[in-house]
Amino acid sequence: QKPDAANPTNRVEGYLLYFDDITMALTLLDEFEDCYIDPPLYEREVMQVGPRDTLAWVYVYAKHDRLTQPGARLVANGRWQDFDAPSDA
C-alpha cells in the first residue's frame, strides 16, 4: 500500500539508497532482510517513494498476520528509529 500523508498509519520513513551494482546490492540486502528463509521475514516490492514518487525496491514485513496479534505495536509516526521497544528487564 502506497504511503500517503492523509493516512499516517501506512507511512514509513526510511532511506533511499543508490548502488552502482544493483544486482550485488539486492543479493546482499535480501540476505540481510531474511528474504531467503522459509517463510521469509521480509519481501522486496517495487513502490513509489518520496516526494517525487521515485520507483524503488522496498522491504515489507512478510508476516502480515502477526501485525494484528496481541503484543504487536504500531509505530504511529512511521519512524522506526523513534520506536520505544519494551525492555526485557
Protein backbone atom coordinates (compact mmCIF):
# COMPACT_ATOMS: atom_id res chain seq x y z
CA GLN A 1 0.00 0.00 0.00
CA LYS A 2 1.44 3.34 -1.05
CA PRO A 3 2.22 5.61 1.91
CA ASP A 4 0.28 8.84 1.97
CA ALA A 5 0.20 11.88 4.23
CA ALA A 6 -3.57 11.65 4.70
CA ASN A 7 -3.25 8.20 6.30
CA PRO A 8 -0.21 8.21 8.60
CA THR A 9 -0.79 4.60 9.67
CA ASN A 10 0.58 3.38 6.34
CA ARG A 11 3.51 5.80 6.20
CA VAL A 12 7.02 4.59 7.00
CA GLU A 13 10.20 6.65 6.94
CA GLY A 14 13.38 5.11 5.60
CA TYR A 15 16.38 5.68 3.39
CA LEU A 16 16.59 5.88 -0.39
CA LEU A 17 19.93 4.41 -1.46
CA TYR A 18 21.54 4.24 -4.90
CA PHE A 19 24.00 1.49 -5.91
CA ASP A 20 26.38 1.09 -8.85
CA ASP A 21 25.87 -2.70 -8.83
CA ILE A 22 22.16 -3.20 -8.08
CA THR A 23 22.31 -6.98 -8.56
CA MET A 24 25.02 -7.36 -5.93
CA ALA A 25 23.33 -4.88 -3.59
CA LEU A 26 19.95 -6.62 -3.79
CA THR A 27 21.55 -10.03 -3.24
CA LEU A 28 23.23 -8.79 -0.05
CA LEU A 29 20.18 -6.84 1.15
CA ASP A 30 17.85 -9.80 0.51
CA GLU A 31 20.09 -11.94 2.71
CA PHE A 32 20.27 -9.23 5.40
CA GLU A 33 16.45 -8.86 5.41
CA ASP A 34 15.94 -12.65 5.63
CA CYS A 35 14.18 -12.91 2.27
CA TYR A 36 15.65 -16.39 1.72
CA ILE A 37 14.33 -18.15 4.83
CA ASP A 38 11.08 -20.10 4.60
CA PRO A 39 8.82 -18.33 5.28
CA PRO A 40 10.67 -15.07 4.63
CA LEU A 41 10.75 -12.32 7.25
CA TYR A 42 10.60 -9.56 4.62
CA GLU A 43 9.61 -9.43 0.97
CA ARG A 44 11.03 -7.00 -1.58
CA GLU A 45 8.46 -4.99 -3.56
CA VAL A 46 8.64 -2.07 -6.00
CA MET A 47 6.87 1.03 -4.67
CA GLN A 48 6.74 4.73 -5.37
CA VAL A 49 8.51 6.57 -2.56
CA GLY A 50 9.42 10.10 -1.57
CA PRO A 51 8.11 13.45 -2.69
CA ARG A 52 8.84 12.67 -6.37
CA ASP A 53 7.25 9.19 -6.33
CA THR A 54 10.58 7.56 -7.18
CA LEU A 55 10.28 3.85 -8.03
CA ALA A 56 12.34 1.87 -5.53
CA TRP A 57 12.70 -1.59 -4.07
CA VAL A 58 11.19 -1.62 -0.56
CA TYR A 59 11.40 -4.37 2.06
CA VAL A 60 7.96 -5.12 3.53
CA TYR A 61 7.29 -7.27 6.60
CA ALA A 62 6.07 -10.62 5.26
CA LYS A 63 4.25 -11.97 8.31
CA HIS A 64 1.17 -9.77 7.95
CA ASP A 65 -0.96 -11.90 10.28
CA ARG A 66 1.39 -11.12 13.19
CA LEU A 67 0.60 -7.42 12.91
CA THR A 68 -2.87 -7.98 14.37
CA GLN A 69 -1.77 -10.30 17.20
CA PRO A 70 -1.54 -9.30 20.87
CA GLY A 71 1.73 -7.54 21.57
CA ALA A 72 2.05 -6.01 18.08
CA ARG A 73 2.66 -2.28 18.42
CA LEU A 74 2.07 0.45 15.85
CA VAL A 75 4.90 2.90 15.22
CA ALA A 76 2.41 5.75 14.88
CA ASN A 77 4.74 8.36 13.38
CA GLY A 78 6.27 5.90 10.88
CA ARG A 79 9.81 6.48 12.19
CA TRP A 80 11.15 3.13 13.33
CA GLN A 81 14.12 4.96 14.91
CA ASP A 82 11.71 6.56 17.43
CA PHE A 83 10.14 3.23 18.41
CA ASP A 84 10.42 2.65 22.14
CA ALA A 85 10.62 -1.14 22.36
CA PRO A 86 9.82 -2.67 25.73
CA SER A 87 12.91 -3.73 27.62
CA ASP A 88 13.47 -7.31 28.74
CA ALA A 89 14.38 -6.17 32.25
